[in-house]
Full PDB file with SEQRES, HELIX, SHEET, SSBOND, CRYST1, ORIGX, SCALE, CONECT and MASTER records, all heavy atoms in Angstrom:
SEQRES   1 A   40  ALA LYS GLU PHE GLU VAL GLY LEU SER ASP SER GLY THR          
SEQRES   2 A   40  LEU THR LEU ASN TYR ASN TYR ALA PRO ASN SER THR ILE          
SEQRES   3 A   40  GLN ASP ALA PHE ARG ALA ALA LYS LYS ALA GLY THR GLU          
SEQRES   4 A   40  VAL                                                          
HELIX    1 AA1 THR A   25  ALA A   36  1                                  12    
CRYST1    1.000    1.000    1.000  90.00  90.00  90.00 P 1           1          
ORIGX1      1.000000  0.000000  0.000000        0.00000                         
ORIGX2      0.000000  1.000000  0.000000        0.00000                         
ORIGX3      0.000000  0.000000  1.000000        0.00000                         
SCALE1      1.000000  0.000000  0.000000        0.00000                         
SCALE2      0.000000  1.000000  0.000000        0.00000                         
SCALE3      0.000000  0.000000  1.000000        0.00000                         
ATOM      1  N   ALA A   1      69.563  52.617  -2.873  1.00  0.00           N  
ATOM      2  CA  ALA A   1      68.227  52.076  -2.486  1.00  0.00           C  
ATOM      3  C   ALA A   1      68.336  50.643  -2.869  1.00  0.00           C  
ATOM      4  O   ALA A   1      69.244  50.181  -3.542  1.00  0.00           O  
ATOM      5  CB  ALA A   1      67.107  52.699  -3.218  1.00  0.00           C  
ATOM      6  N   LYS A   2      67.311  49.846  -2.452  1.00  0.00           N  
ATOM      7  CA  LYS A   2      67.346  48.379  -2.807  1.00  0.00           C  
ATOM      8  C   LYS A   2      67.274  48.283  -4.313  1.00  0.00           C  
ATOM      9  O   LYS A   2      66.554  48.905  -5.005  1.00  0.00           O  
ATOM     10  CB  LYS A   2      66.090  47.806  -2.157  1.00  0.00           C  
ATOM     11  CG  LYS A   2      66.131  47.394  -0.697  1.00  0.00           C  
ATOM     12  CD  LYS A   2      66.816  46.104  -0.515  1.00  0.00           C  
ATOM     13  CE  LYS A   2      66.837  45.620   1.025  1.00  0.00           C  
ATOM     14  NZ  LYS A   2      67.479  44.321   1.039  1.00  0.00           N  
ATOM     15  N   GLU A   3      68.053  47.298  -4.748  1.00  0.00           N  
ATOM     16  CA  GLU A   3      68.021  46.989  -6.256  1.00  0.00           C  
ATOM     17  C   GLU A   3      67.738  45.473  -6.407  1.00  0.00           C  
ATOM     18  O   GLU A   3      68.159  44.661  -5.748  1.00  0.00           O  
ATOM     19  CB  GLU A   3      69.433  47.323  -6.844  1.00  0.00           C  
ATOM     20  CG  GLU A   3      69.757  48.809  -6.755  1.00  0.00           C  
ATOM     21  CD  GLU A   3      71.166  49.087  -7.354  1.00  0.00           C  
ATOM     22  OE1 GLU A   3      72.127  48.869  -6.675  1.00  0.00           O  
ATOM     23  OE2 GLU A   3      71.179  49.541  -8.557  1.00  0.00           O  
ATOM     24  N   PHE A   4      67.031  45.228  -7.520  1.00  0.00           N  
ATOM     25  CA  PHE A   4      66.631  43.809  -7.815  1.00  0.00           C  
ATOM     26  C   PHE A   4      66.761  43.473  -9.284  1.00  0.00           C  
ATOM     27  O   PHE A   4      66.566  44.363 -10.117  1.00  0.00           O  
ATOM     28  CB  PHE A   4      65.176  43.582  -7.411  1.00  0.00           C  
ATOM     29  CG  PHE A   4      64.939  43.775  -5.887  1.00  0.00           C  
ATOM     30  CD1 PHE A   4      64.487  45.073  -5.431  1.00  0.00           C  
ATOM     31  CD2 PHE A   4      65.086  42.827  -4.976  1.00  0.00           C  
ATOM     32  CE1 PHE A   4      64.289  45.302  -4.032  1.00  0.00           C  
ATOM     33  CE2 PHE A   4      64.886  42.976  -3.645  1.00  0.00           C  
ATOM     34  CZ  PHE A   4      64.480  44.278  -3.170  1.00  0.00           C  
ATOM     35  N   GLU A   5      66.961  42.205  -9.560  1.00  0.00           N  
ATOM     36  CA  GLU A   5      66.865  41.712 -10.965  1.00  0.00           C  
ATOM     37  C   GLU A   5      65.771  40.716 -10.974  1.00  0.00           C  
ATOM     38  O   GLU A   5      65.522  39.994  -9.888  1.00  0.00           O  
ATOM     39  CB  GLU A   5      68.217  40.952 -11.315  1.00  0.00           C  
ATOM     40  CG  GLU A   5      69.476  41.887 -11.408  1.00  0.00           C  
ATOM     41  CD  GLU A   5      69.426  42.578 -12.769  1.00  0.00           C  
ATOM     42  OE1 GLU A   5      68.546  42.264 -13.666  1.00  0.00           O  
ATOM     43  OE2 GLU A   5      70.341  43.506 -12.923  1.00  0.00           O  
ATOM     44  N   VAL A   6      65.065  40.745 -12.096  1.00  0.00           N  
ATOM     45  CA  VAL A   6      63.992  39.731 -12.238  1.00  0.00           C  
ATOM     46  C   VAL A   6      64.641  38.403 -12.596  1.00  0.00           C  
ATOM     47  O   VAL A   6      65.395  38.208 -13.484  1.00  0.00           O  
ATOM     48  CB  VAL A   6      63.025  40.167 -13.270  1.00  0.00           C  
ATOM     49  CG1 VAL A   6      61.918  39.191 -13.479  1.00  0.00           C  
ATOM     50  CG2 VAL A   6      62.352  41.470 -12.918  1.00  0.00           C  
ATOM     51  N   GLY A   7      64.155  37.404 -11.840  1.00  0.00           N  
ATOM     52  CA  GLY A   7      64.696  36.067 -12.062  1.00  0.00           C  
ATOM     53  C   GLY A   7      63.780  35.221 -13.003  1.00  0.00           C  
ATOM     54  O   GLY A   7      63.148  35.742 -13.888  1.00  0.00           O  
ATOM     55  N   LEU A   8      63.722  33.899 -12.918  1.00  0.00           N  
ATOM     56  CA  LEU A   8      63.018  33.081 -13.778  1.00  0.00           C  
ATOM     57  C   LEU A   8      61.496  33.311 -13.591  1.00  0.00           C  
ATOM     58  O   LEU A   8      60.961  33.466 -12.479  1.00  0.00           O  
ATOM     59  CB  LEU A   8      63.245  31.595 -13.450  1.00  0.00           C  
ATOM     60  CG  LEU A   8      64.766  31.108 -13.822  1.00  0.00           C  
ATOM     61  CD1 LEU A   8      64.915  29.644 -13.352  1.00  0.00           C  
ATOM     62  CD2 LEU A   8      64.999  31.287 -15.247  1.00  0.00           C  
ATOM     63  N   SER A   9      60.777  33.261 -14.713  1.00  0.00           N  
ATOM     64  CA  SER A   9      59.318  33.373 -14.628  1.00  0.00           C  
ATOM     65  C   SER A   9      58.715  32.146 -14.110  1.00  0.00           C  
ATOM     66  O   SER A   9      59.317  30.988 -14.063  1.00  0.00           O  
ATOM     67  CB  SER A   9      58.724  33.629 -16.053  1.00  0.00           C  
ATOM     68  OG  SER A   9      58.998  32.562 -16.879  1.00  0.00           O  
ATOM     69  N   ASP A  10      57.491  32.225 -13.660  1.00  0.00           N  
ATOM     70  CA  ASP A  10      56.671  31.080 -13.113  1.00  0.00           C  
ATOM     71  C   ASP A  10      55.404  31.027 -13.951  1.00  0.00           C  
ATOM     72  O   ASP A  10      54.617  32.034 -13.900  1.00  0.00           O  
ATOM     73  CB  ASP A  10      56.451  31.362 -11.642  1.00  0.00           C  
ATOM     74  CG  ASP A  10      55.662  30.218 -10.960  1.00  0.00           C  
ATOM     75  OD1 ASP A  10      55.210  29.326 -11.689  1.00  0.00           O  
ATOM     76  OD2 ASP A  10      55.459  30.321  -9.727  1.00  0.00           O  
ATOM     77  N   SER A  11      55.180  29.903 -14.657  1.00  0.00           N  
ATOM     78  CA  SER A  11      54.015  29.732 -15.456  1.00  0.00           C  
ATOM     79  C   SER A  11      52.735  29.577 -14.611  1.00  0.00           C  
ATOM     80  O   SER A  11      51.572  29.535 -15.142  1.00  0.00           O  
ATOM     81  CB  SER A  11      54.197  28.677 -16.423  1.00  0.00           C  
ATOM     82  OG  SER A  11      55.112  28.921 -17.345  1.00  0.00           O  
ATOM     83  N   GLY A  12      52.855  29.356 -13.275  1.00  0.00           N  
ATOM     84  CA  GLY A  12      51.702  29.327 -12.371  1.00  0.00           C  
ATOM     85  C   GLY A  12      50.836  28.103 -12.491  1.00  0.00           C  
ATOM     86  O   GLY A  12      51.440  26.990 -12.517  1.00  0.00           O  
ATOM     87  N   THR A  13      49.563  28.265 -12.543  1.00  0.00           N  
ATOM     88  CA  THR A  13      48.612  27.137 -12.489  1.00  0.00           C  
ATOM     89  C   THR A  13      47.571  27.235 -13.555  1.00  0.00           C  
ATOM     90  O   THR A  13      47.338  28.356 -14.183  1.00  0.00           O  
ATOM     91  CB  THR A  13      47.901  27.082 -11.170  1.00  0.00           C  
ATOM     92  OG1 THR A  13      47.144  28.292 -10.969  1.00  0.00           O  
ATOM     93  CG2 THR A  13      48.854  26.916  -9.992  1.00  0.00           C  
ATOM     94  N   LEU A  14      46.988  26.076 -13.933  1.00  0.00           N  
ATOM     95  CA  LEU A  14      45.845  26.045 -14.872  1.00  0.00           C  
ATOM     96  C   LEU A  14      44.751  25.231 -14.104  1.00  0.00           C  
ATOM     97  O   LEU A  14      44.988  24.136 -13.719  1.00  0.00           O  
ATOM     98  CB  LEU A  14      46.268  25.349 -16.129  1.00  0.00           C  
ATOM     99  CG  LEU A  14      45.156  25.063 -17.199  1.00  0.00           C  
ATOM    100  CD1 LEU A  14      44.563  26.346 -17.751  1.00  0.00           C  
ATOM    101  CD2 LEU A  14      45.587  24.043 -18.245  1.00  0.00           C  
ATOM    102  N   THR A  15      43.679  25.910 -13.893  1.00  0.00           N  
ATOM    103  CA  THR A  15      42.447  25.241 -13.331  1.00  0.00           C  
ATOM    104  C   THR A  15      41.435  24.906 -14.456  1.00  0.00           C  
ATOM    105  O   THR A  15      41.045  25.787 -15.306  1.00  0.00           O  
ATOM    106  CB  THR A  15      41.789  26.147 -12.257  1.00  0.00           C  
ATOM    107  OG1 THR A  15      42.756  26.363 -11.320  1.00  0.00           O  
ATOM    108  CG2 THR A  15      40.616  25.430 -11.692  1.00  0.00           C  
ATOM    109  N   LEU A  16      40.971  23.712 -14.540  1.00  0.00           N  
ATOM    110  CA  LEU A  16      40.072  23.273 -15.588  1.00  0.00           C  
ATOM    111  C   LEU A  16      38.802  22.802 -14.849  1.00  0.00           C  
ATOM    112  O   LEU A  16      38.832  21.989 -13.890  1.00  0.00           O  
ATOM    113  CB  LEU A  16      40.596  22.069 -16.349  1.00  0.00           C  
ATOM    114  CG  LEU A  16      41.812  22.324 -17.106  1.00  0.00           C  
ATOM    115  CD1 LEU A  16      42.452  21.013 -17.681  1.00  0.00           C  
ATOM    116  CD2 LEU A  16      41.544  23.428 -18.276  1.00  0.00           C  
ATOM    117  N   ASN A  17      37.641  23.514 -15.117  1.00  0.00           N  
ATOM    118  CA  ASN A  17      36.381  23.238 -14.575  1.00  0.00           C  
ATOM    119  C   ASN A  17      35.546  22.375 -15.613  1.00  0.00           C  
ATOM    120  O   ASN A  17      35.639  22.600 -16.777  1.00  0.00           O  
ATOM    121  CB  ASN A  17      35.641  24.479 -14.240  1.00  0.00           C  
ATOM    122  CG  ASN A  17      36.459  25.316 -13.298  1.00  0.00           C  
ATOM    123  OD1 ASN A  17      36.814  24.876 -12.298  1.00  0.00           O  
ATOM    124  ND2 ASN A  17      36.596  26.638 -13.579  1.00  0.00           N  
ATOM    125  N   TYR A  18      34.757  21.400 -15.120  1.00  0.00           N  
ATOM    126  CA  TYR A  18      34.078  20.536 -16.027  1.00  0.00           C  
ATOM    127  C   TYR A  18      32.841  19.843 -15.321  1.00  0.00           C  
ATOM    128  O   TYR A  18      32.737  19.920 -14.041  1.00  0.00           O  
ATOM    129  CB  TYR A  18      35.065  19.378 -16.412  1.00  0.00           C  
ATOM    130  CG  TYR A  18      35.870  18.772 -15.259  1.00  0.00           C  
ATOM    131  CD1 TYR A  18      35.458  17.734 -14.493  1.00  0.00           C  
ATOM    132  CD2 TYR A  18      37.194  19.256 -15.071  1.00  0.00           C  
ATOM    133  CE1 TYR A  18      36.240  17.201 -13.481  1.00  0.00           C  
ATOM    134  CE2 TYR A  18      38.045  18.733 -14.079  1.00  0.00           C  
ATOM    135  CZ  TYR A  18      37.505  17.730 -13.296  1.00  0.00           C  
ATOM    136  OH  TYR A  18      38.265  17.054 -12.210  1.00  0.00           O  
ATOM    137  N   ASN A  19      32.035  19.200 -16.077  1.00  0.00           N  
ATOM    138  CA  ASN A  19      30.986  18.412 -15.597  1.00  0.00           C  
ATOM    139  C   ASN A  19      31.619  17.033 -15.186  1.00  0.00           C  
ATOM    140  O   ASN A  19      32.346  16.420 -15.960  1.00  0.00           O  
ATOM    141  CB  ASN A  19      29.868  18.134 -16.633  1.00  0.00           C  
ATOM    142  CG  ASN A  19      29.107  19.360 -17.078  1.00  0.00           C  
ATOM    143  OD1 ASN A  19      28.808  20.192 -16.234  1.00  0.00           O  
ATOM    144  ND2 ASN A  19      28.887  19.592 -18.294  1.00  0.00           N  
ATOM    145  N   TYR A  20      31.296  16.682 -13.902  1.00  0.00           N  
ATOM    146  CA  TYR A  20      32.017  15.567 -13.311  1.00  0.00           C  
ATOM    147  C   TYR A  20      31.516  14.259 -13.868  1.00  0.00           C  
ATOM    148  O   TYR A  20      30.344  13.958 -13.812  1.00  0.00           O  
ATOM    149  CB  TYR A  20      31.838  15.635 -11.787  1.00  0.00           C  
ATOM    150  CG  TYR A  20      32.661  14.596 -11.041  1.00  0.00           C  
ATOM    151  CD1 TYR A  20      34.114  14.578 -11.117  1.00  0.00           C  
ATOM    152  CD2 TYR A  20      32.039  13.574 -10.316  1.00  0.00           C  
ATOM    153  CE1 TYR A  20      34.860  13.638 -10.489  1.00  0.00           C  
ATOM    154  CE2 TYR A  20      32.722  12.669  -9.578  1.00  0.00           C  
ATOM    155  CZ  TYR A  20      34.113  12.696  -9.709  1.00  0.00           C  
ATOM    156  OH  TYR A  20      34.888  11.750  -8.913  1.00  0.00           O  
ATOM    157  N   ALA A  21      32.426  13.483 -14.458  1.00  0.00           N  
ATOM    158  CA  ALA A  21      32.080  12.226 -15.043  1.00  0.00           C  
ATOM    159  C   ALA A  21      33.317  11.271 -14.678  1.00  0.00           C  
ATOM    160  O   ALA A  21      34.237  11.244 -15.569  1.00  0.00           O  
ATOM    161  CB  ALA A  21      31.760  12.203 -16.476  1.00  0.00           C  
ATOM    162  N   PRO A  22      33.373  10.780 -13.530  1.00  0.00           N  
ATOM    163  CA  PRO A  22      34.631  10.033 -13.009  1.00  0.00           C  
ATOM    164  C   PRO A  22      35.132   8.991 -13.957  1.00  0.00           C  
ATOM    165  O   PRO A  22      36.389   8.722 -13.933  1.00  0.00           O  
ATOM    166  CB  PRO A  22      34.201   9.474 -11.650  1.00  0.00           C  
ATOM    167  CG  PRO A  22      32.720   9.377 -11.698  1.00  0.00           C  
ATOM    168  CD  PRO A  22      32.306  10.517 -12.524  1.00  0.00           C  
ATOM    169  N   ASN A  23      34.295   8.338 -14.731  1.00  0.00           N  
ATOM    170  CA  ASN A  23      34.808   7.210 -15.521  1.00  0.00           C  
ATOM    171  C   ASN A  23      35.242   7.726 -16.932  1.00  0.00           C  
ATOM    172  O   ASN A  23      35.536   6.914 -17.819  1.00  0.00           O  
ATOM    173  CB  ASN A  23      33.815   6.076 -15.662  1.00  0.00           C  
ATOM    174  CG  ASN A  23      33.622   5.333 -14.521  1.00  0.00           C  
ATOM    175  OD1 ASN A  23      34.604   5.159 -13.661  1.00  0.00           O  
ATOM    176  ND2 ASN A  23      32.425   4.794 -14.163  1.00  0.00           N  
ATOM    177  N   SER A  24      35.104   9.033 -17.250  1.00  0.00           N  
ATOM    178  CA  SER A  24      35.542   9.558 -18.567  1.00  0.00           C  
ATOM    179  C   SER A  24      37.034   9.503 -18.741  1.00  0.00           C  
ATOM    180  O   SER A  24      37.830   9.505 -17.738  1.00  0.00           O  
ATOM    181  CB  SER A  24      35.003  11.013 -18.689  1.00  0.00           C  
ATOM    182  OG  SER A  24      35.664  11.804 -17.827  1.00  0.00           O  
ATOM    183  N   THR A  25      37.517   9.395 -20.002  1.00  0.00           N  
ATOM    184  CA  THR A  25      38.868   9.162 -20.228  1.00  0.00           C  
ATOM    185  C   THR A  25      39.813  10.271 -19.600  1.00  0.00           C  
ATOM    186  O   THR A  25      40.897   9.935 -18.949  1.00  0.00           O  
ATOM    187  CB  THR A  25      39.093   9.103 -21.840  1.00  0.00           C  
ATOM    188  OG1 THR A  25      38.249   8.192 -22.342  1.00  0.00           O  
ATOM    189  CG2 THR A  25      40.524   8.924 -22.180  1.00  0.00           C  
ATOM    190  N   ILE A  26      39.461  11.516 -19.736  1.00  0.00           N  
ATOM    191  CA  ILE A  26      40.393  12.525 -19.299  1.00  0.00           C  
ATOM    192  C   ILE A  26      40.418  12.624 -17.732  1.00  0.00           C  
ATOM    193  O   ILE A  26      41.444  12.671 -17.099  1.00  0.00           O  
ATOM    194  CB  ILE A  26      40.051  13.780 -19.900  1.00  0.00           C  
ATOM    195  CG1 ILE A  26      40.483  13.853 -21.318  1.00  0.00           C  
ATOM    196  CG2 ILE A  26      40.773  15.027 -19.165  1.00  0.00           C  
ATOM    197  CD1 ILE A  26      40.065  15.121 -22.097  1.00  0.00           C  
ATOM    198  N   GLN A  27      39.231  12.528 -17.173  1.00  0.00           N  
ATOM    199  CA  GLN A  27      39.156  12.611 -15.658  1.00  0.00           C  
ATOM    200  C   GLN A  27      39.818  11.370 -15.067  1.00  0.00           C  
ATOM    201  O   GLN A  27      40.452  11.476 -14.065  1.00  0.00           O  
ATOM    202  CB  GLN A  27      37.697  12.750 -15.273  1.00  0.00           C  
ATOM    203  CG  GLN A  27      37.134  14.089 -15.597  1.00  0.00           C  
ATOM    204  CD  GLN A  27      35.670  14.302 -15.363  1.00  0.00           C  
ATOM    205  OE1 GLN A  27      35.275  14.009 -14.262  1.00  0.00           O  
ATOM    206  NE2 GLN A  27      34.914  14.645 -16.322  1.00  0.00           N  
ATOM    207  N   ASP A  28      39.750  10.197 -15.592  1.00  0.00           N  
ATOM    208  CA  ASP A  28      40.452   9.004 -15.167  1.00  0.00           C  
ATOM    209  C   ASP A  28      41.965   9.313 -15.384  1.00  0.00           C  
ATOM    210  O   ASP A  28      42.819   8.853 -14.426  1.00  0.00           O  
ATOM    211  CB  ASP A  28      40.090   7.832 -16.043  1.00  0.00           C  
ATOM    212  CG  ASP A  28      40.736   6.526 -15.518  1.00  0.00           C  
ATOM    213  OD1 ASP A  28      40.605   6.228 -14.336  1.00  0.00           O  
ATOM    214  OD2 ASP A  28      41.530   5.942 -16.335  1.00  0.00           O  
ATOM    215  N   ALA A  29      42.413  10.000 -16.477  1.00  0.00           N  
ATOM    216  CA  ALA A  29      43.807  10.239 -16.695  1.00  0.00           C  
ATOM    217  C   ALA A  29      44.319  11.247 -15.602  1.00  0.00           C  
ATOM    218  O   ALA A  29      45.517  11.107 -15.222  1.00  0.00           O  
ATOM    219  CB  ALA A  29      44.100  10.819 -18.126  1.00  0.00           C  
ATOM    220  N   PHE A  30      43.626  12.162 -15.177  1.00  0.00           N  
ATOM    221  CA  PHE A  30      43.954  13.055 -14.129  1.00  0.00           C  
ATOM    222  C   PHE A  30      44.216  12.303 -12.866  1.00  0.00           C  
ATOM    223  O   PHE A  30      45.297  12.538 -12.202  1.00  0.00           O  
ATOM    224  CB  PHE A  30      42.876  14.146 -13.843  1.00  0.00           C  
ATOM    225  CG  PHE A  30      42.734  15.280 -14.869  1.00  0.00           C  
ATOM    226  CD1 PHE A  30      41.555  15.884 -15.099  1.00  0.00           C  
ATOM    227  CD2 PHE A  30      43.857  15.671 -15.559  1.00  0.00           C  
ATOM    228  CE1 PHE A  30      41.492  16.841 -16.016  1.00  0.00           C  
ATOM    229  CE2 PHE A  30      43.823  16.703 -16.487  1.00  0.00           C  
ATOM    230  CZ  PHE A  30      42.557  17.243 -16.718  1.00  0.00           C  
ATOM    231  N   ARG A  31      43.363  11.411 -12.512  1.00  0.00           N  
ATOM    232  CA  ARG A  31      43.531  10.666 -11.223  1.00  0.00           C  
ATOM    233  C   ARG A  31      44.858   9.765 -11.319  1.00  0.00           C  
ATOM    234  O   ARG A  31      45.649   9.675 -10.360  1.00  0.00           O  
ATOM    235  CB  ARG A  31      42.354   9.681 -10.980  1.00  0.00           C  
ATOM    236  CG  ARG A  31      41.088  10.511 -10.580  1.00  0.00           C  
ATOM    237  CD  ARG A  31      40.117   9.467  -9.980  1.00  0.00           C  
ATOM    238  NE  ARG A  31      39.698   8.379 -10.903  1.00  0.00           N  
ATOM    239  CZ  ARG A  31      38.703   8.684 -11.788  1.00  0.00           C  
ATOM    240  NH1 ARG A  31      38.132   9.724 -11.890  1.00  0.00           N  
ATOM    241  NH2 ARG A  31      38.462   7.585 -12.613  1.00  0.00           N  
ATOM    242  N   ALA A  32      45.109   9.164 -12.501  1.00  0.00           N  
ATOM    243  CA  ALA A  32      46.284   8.229 -12.699  1.00  0.00           C  
ATOM    244  C   ALA A  32      47.521   9.098 -12.684  1.00  0.00           C  
ATOM    245  O   ALA A  32      48.473   8.836 -11.963  1.00  0.00           O  
ATOM    246  CB  ALA A  32      46.167   7.610 -13.985  1.00  0.00           C  
ATOM    247  N   ALA A  33      47.478  10.395 -13.245  1.00  0.00           N  
ATOM    248  CA  ALA A  33      48.723  11.217 -13.233  1.00  0.00           C  
ATOM    249  C   ALA A  33      49.008  11.714 -11.780  1.00  0.00           C  
ATOM    250  O   ALA A  33      50.211  11.866 -11.342  1.00  0.00           O  
ATOM    251  CB  ALA A  33      48.478  12.420 -14.162  1.00  0.00           C  
ATOM    252  N   LYS A  34      47.988  12.066 -11.094  1.00  0.00           N  
ATOM    253  CA  LYS A  34      48.164  12.545  -9.624  1.00  0.00           C  
ATOM    254  C   LYS A  34      48.781  11.336  -8.887  1.00  0.00           C  
ATOM    255  O   LYS A  34      49.720  11.556  -8.093  1.00  0.00           O  
ATOM    256  CB  LYS A  34      46.908  12.987  -9.042  1.00  0.00           C  
ATOM    257  CG  LYS A  34      46.984  13.532  -7.631  1.00  0.00           C  
ATOM    258  CD  LYS A  34      45.678  13.996  -7.163  1.00  0.00           C  
ATOM    259  CE  LYS A  34      45.860  14.519  -5.635  1.00  0.00           C  
ATOM    260  NZ  LYS A  34      44.578  14.990  -5.128  1.00  0.00           N  
ATOM    261  N   LYS A  35      48.272  10.214  -8.908  1.00  0.00           N  
ATOM    262  CA  LYS A  35      48.735   9.002  -8.248  1.00  0.00           C  
ATOM    263  C   LYS A  35      50.166   8.640  -8.571  1.00  0.00           C  
ATOM    264  O   LYS A  35      50.984   8.493  -7.755  1.00  0.00           O  
ATOM    265  CB  LYS A  35      47.868   7.913  -8.531  1.00  0.00           C  
ATOM    266  CG  LYS A  35      48.298   6.589  -7.655  1.00  0.00           C  
ATOM    267  CD  LYS A  35      47.321   5.430  -7.967  1.00  0.00           C  
ATOM    268  CE  LYS A  35      47.673   4.250  -7.082  1.00  0.00           C  
ATOM    269  NZ  LYS A  35      46.665   3.071  -7.268  1.00  0.00           N  
ATOM    270  N   ALA A  36      50.560   8.785  -9.872  1.00  0.00           N  
ATOM    271  CA  ALA A  36      51.876   8.459 -10.357  1.00  0.00           C  
ATOM    272  C   ALA A  36      52.848   9.587 -10.338  1.00  0.00           C  
ATOM    273  O   ALA A  36      54.110   9.330 -10.422  1.00  0.00           O  
ATOM    274  CB  ALA A  36      51.772   7.859 -11.819  1.00  0.00           C  
ATOM    275  N   GLY A  37      52.313  10.746 -10.128  1.00  0.00           N  
ATOM    276  CA  GLY A  37      53.248  11.978 -10.118  1.00  0.00           C  
ATOM    277  C   GLY A  37      53.794  12.246 -11.524  1.00  0.00           C  
ATOM    278  O   GLY A  37      54.825  12.950 -11.630  1.00  0.00           O  
ATOM    279  N   THR A  38      53.086  11.896 -12.535  1.00  0.00           N  
ATOM    280  CA  THR A  38      53.496  12.148 -13.889  1.00  0.00           C  
ATOM    281  C   THR A  38      52.875  13.492 -14.431  1.00  0.00           C  
ATOM    282  O   THR A  38      51.856  13.934 -13.875  1.00  0.00           O  
ATOM    283  CB  THR A  38      53.122  11.055 -14.867  1.00  0.00           C  
ATOM    284  OG1 THR A  38      51.762  10.753 -14.686  1.00  0.00           O  
ATOM    285  CG2 THR A  38      53.937   9.789 -14.398  1.00  0.00           C  
ATOM    286  N   GLU A  39      53.432  14.020 -15.480  1.00  0.00           N  
ATOM    287  CA  GLU A  39      52.930  15.243 -16.017  1.00  0.00           C  
ATOM    288  C   GLU A  39      51.890  15.035 -17.149  1.00  0.00           C  
ATOM    289  O   GLU A  39      51.857  13.982 -17.716  1.00  0.00           O  
ATOM    290  CB  GLU A  39      54.107  16.109 -16.582  1.00  0.00           C  
ATOM    291  CG  GLU A  39      55.099  16.461 -15.570  1.00  0.00           C  
ATOM    292  CD  GLU A  39      56.294  17.085 -16.259  1.00  0.00           C  
ATOM    293  OE1 GLU A  39      56.736  16.615 -17.344  1.00  0.00           O  
ATOM    294  OE2 GLU A  39      56.984  17.954 -15.588  1.00  0.00           O  
ATOM    295  N   VAL A  40      51.048  15.953 -17.296  1.00  0.00           N  
ATOM    296  CA  VAL A  40      50.078  15.850 -18.392  1.00  0.00           C  
ATOM    297  C   VAL A  40      50.302  17.162 -19.251  1.00  0.00           C  
ATOM    298  O   VAL A  40      50.750  18.158 -18.790  1.00  0.00           O  
ATOM    299  CB  VAL A  40      48.648  15.763 -17.913  1.00  0.00           C  
ATOM    300  CG1 VAL A  40      48.402  14.468 -17.169  1.00  0.00           C  
ATOM    301  CG2 VAL A  40      48.209  16.947 -17.058  1.00  0.00           C  
TER     302      VAL A  40                                                      
MASTER        0    0    0    1    0    0    0    6  301    1    0    4          
END                                                                             
């Protein structure tokens, strides 16, 4: 029958919900990281 091995795990996603305050430090950091393609 079909046989399988489990490969590398996937840590998936993290969704953070918040009160929207676009000029706050962290929400500004999210925008900057998305634009630059850097990790947080």
